[in-house]
Protein backbone atom coordinates (compact mmCIF):
# COMPACT_ATOMS: atom_id res chain seq x y z
CA UNK A 1 2.58 -75.76 -28.66
CA UNK A 2 1.22 -76.39 -25.03
CA UNK A 3 0.20 -79.76 -23.60
CA UNK A 4 -2.71 -77.88 -21.96
CA UNK A 5 -6.26 -78.92 -22.51
CA UNK A 6 -9.68 -78.98 -21.21
CA UNK A 7 -11.50 -82.04 -20.52
CA UNK A 8 -15.23 -81.67 -20.76
CA UNK A 9 -17.49 -84.38 -19.04
CA UNK A 10 -21.29 -84.38 -19.62
CA UNK A 11 -23.09 -86.68 -17.45
CA UNK A 12 -26.69 -87.66 -16.42
CA UNK A 13 -27.81 -85.87 -13.11
CA UNK A 14 -27.66 -89.31 -11.55
CA UNK A 15 -24.01 -89.39 -11.69
CA UNK A 16 -23.24 -85.97 -10.40
CA UNK A 17 -22.46 -86.80 -6.69
CA UNK A 18 -20.37 -89.97 -7.83
CA UNK A 19 -18.45 -88.08 -10.22
CA UNK A 20 -17.77 -85.05 -7.80
CA UNK A 21 -16.17 -87.63 -5.44
CA UNK A 22 -14.21 -89.26 -7.96
CA UNK A 23 -12.87 -86.09 -9.23
CA UNK A 24 -12.16 -84.79 -5.99
CA UNK A 25 -10.08 -87.95 -5.34
CA UNK A 26 -7.76 -87.37 -8.45
CA UNK A 27 -4.54 -86.09 -6.97
CA UNK A 28 -3.24 -85.04 -10.29
CA UNK A 29 -5.74 -82.29 -10.99
CA UNK A 30 -5.83 -79.01 -8.86
CA UNK A 31 -9.63 -78.63 -9.30
CA UNK A 32 -12.74 -78.63 -11.51
CA UNK A 33 -15.97 -76.74 -12.37
CA UNK A 34 -19.47 -78.06 -12.68
CA UNK A 35 -22.78 -76.72 -14.06
CA UNK A 36 -26.10 -77.83 -14.90
CA UNK A 37 -26.77 -77.86 -18.55
CA UNK A 38 -29.47 -78.97 -20.69
CA UNK A 39 -28.99 -81.38 -23.78
CA UNK A 40 -30.84 -81.38 -27.09
CA UNK A 41 -30.82 -84.06 -29.71
CA UNK A 42 -32.78 -86.15 -32.13
CA UNK A 43 -32.47 -89.31 -30.12
CA UNK A 44 -36.00 -89.27 -28.64
CA UNK A 45 -36.20 -93.09 -27.94
CA UNK A 46 -33.73 -92.17 -25.10
CA UNK A 47 -35.91 -89.46 -23.59
CA UNK A 48 -38.56 -89.58 -21.07
CA UNK A 49 -41.93 -88.46 -22.09
CA UNK A 50 -41.67 -85.03 -20.27
CA UNK A 51 -37.98 -84.76 -21.91
CA UNK A 52 -39.77 -85.58 -25.26
CA UNK A 53 -42.28 -82.77 -24.79
CA UNK A 54 -39.78 -79.97 -23.54
CA UNK A 55 -37.31 -80.91 -26.10
CA UNK A 56 -34.23 -80.85 -23.34
CA UNK A 57 -32.56 -83.49 -21.18
CA UNK A 58 -30.97 -82.26 -17.73
CA UNK A 59 -27.33 -82.81 -17.94
CA UNK A 60 -24.17 -81.98 -15.56
CA UNK A 61 -21.27 -80.67 -17.10
CA UNK A 62 -17.67 -80.82 -15.46
CA UNK A 63 -14.94 -79.09 -16.95
CA UNK A 64 -11.19 -79.63 -16.00
CA UNK A 65 -8.41 -77.85 -17.21
CA UNK A 66 -5.05 -80.08 -17.16
CA UNK A 67 -2.24 -81.31 -19.28
CA UNK A 68 -3.10 -83.84 -22.05
CA UNK A 69 -1.52 -86.86 -20.48
CA UNK A 70 -3.48 -86.30 -17.17
CA UNK A 71 -6.70 -86.07 -19.28
CA UNK A 72 -5.85 -89.12 -21.21
CA UNK A 73 -5.19 -91.20 -18.06
CA UNK A 74 -8.67 -90.00 -16.59
CA UNK A 75 -10.45 -90.73 -19.87
CA UNK A 76 -8.94 -94.42 -19.56
CA UNK A 77 -10.00 -94.77 -15.80
CA UNK A 78 -13.63 -93.34 -16.59
CA UNK A 79 -13.99 -95.86 -19.46
CA UNK A 80 -13.44 -98.59 -16.86
CA UNK A 81 -15.30 -97.14 -13.87
CA UNK A 82 -18.33 -95.69 -15.71
CA UNK A 83 -18.77 -97.99 -18.70
CA UNK A 84 -22.10 -97.87 -20.32
CA UNK A 85 -23.10 -95.22 -17.88
CA UNK A 86 -24.04 -92.44 -20.69
CA UNK A 87 -21.06 -90.37 -19.64
CA UNK A 88 -19.86 -88.15 -22.65
CA UNK A 89 -16.46 -86.70 -22.88
CA UNK A 90 -14.70 -84.08 -25.12
CA UNK A 91 -11.20 -83.40 -25.13
CA UNK A 92 -10.26 -79.82 -26.30
CA UNK A 93 -6.67 -78.29 -26.83
CA UNK A 94 -6.20 -75.09 -24.71
CA UNK A 95 -4.54 -72.28 -26.87
CA UNK A 96 -3.98 -69.98 -23.81
CA UNK A 97 -5.11 -69.77 -20.31
CA UNK A 98 -4.18 -67.68 -17.38
CA UNK A 99 -5.42 -65.43 -14.35
CA UNK A 100 -6.28 -61.93 -15.17
C-alpha cells in the first residue's frame, strides 16, 4: 500500500491568489496544479442571481500530489488560516502515479 494521496482544494475565485501564495510557501510539497471549474448544486441561497440563472458557480480547483501525512498537516493548517472561507477539500488515496 502507498502513502501517496491527492489533496484537492476547491475555492472561491476570491481566494485564488492567496491560496497560490500559501501553497508556494509550503516547503514539503514539490508543486501543485490549478484550474478554473464550475460548481453545480442545490444550495441556491448561496448563489448570486447570475449564478442561479446560469446554474453554475465559478470555482478554482487545486490538486496536490503528496504523502498522506503532509496532506493532513496541510489540512490542519488550512482549517486555521482559511476558517469559514468556503474552502472545500477532498483527500483521495493514489493507487499509482508516475512519469510516462
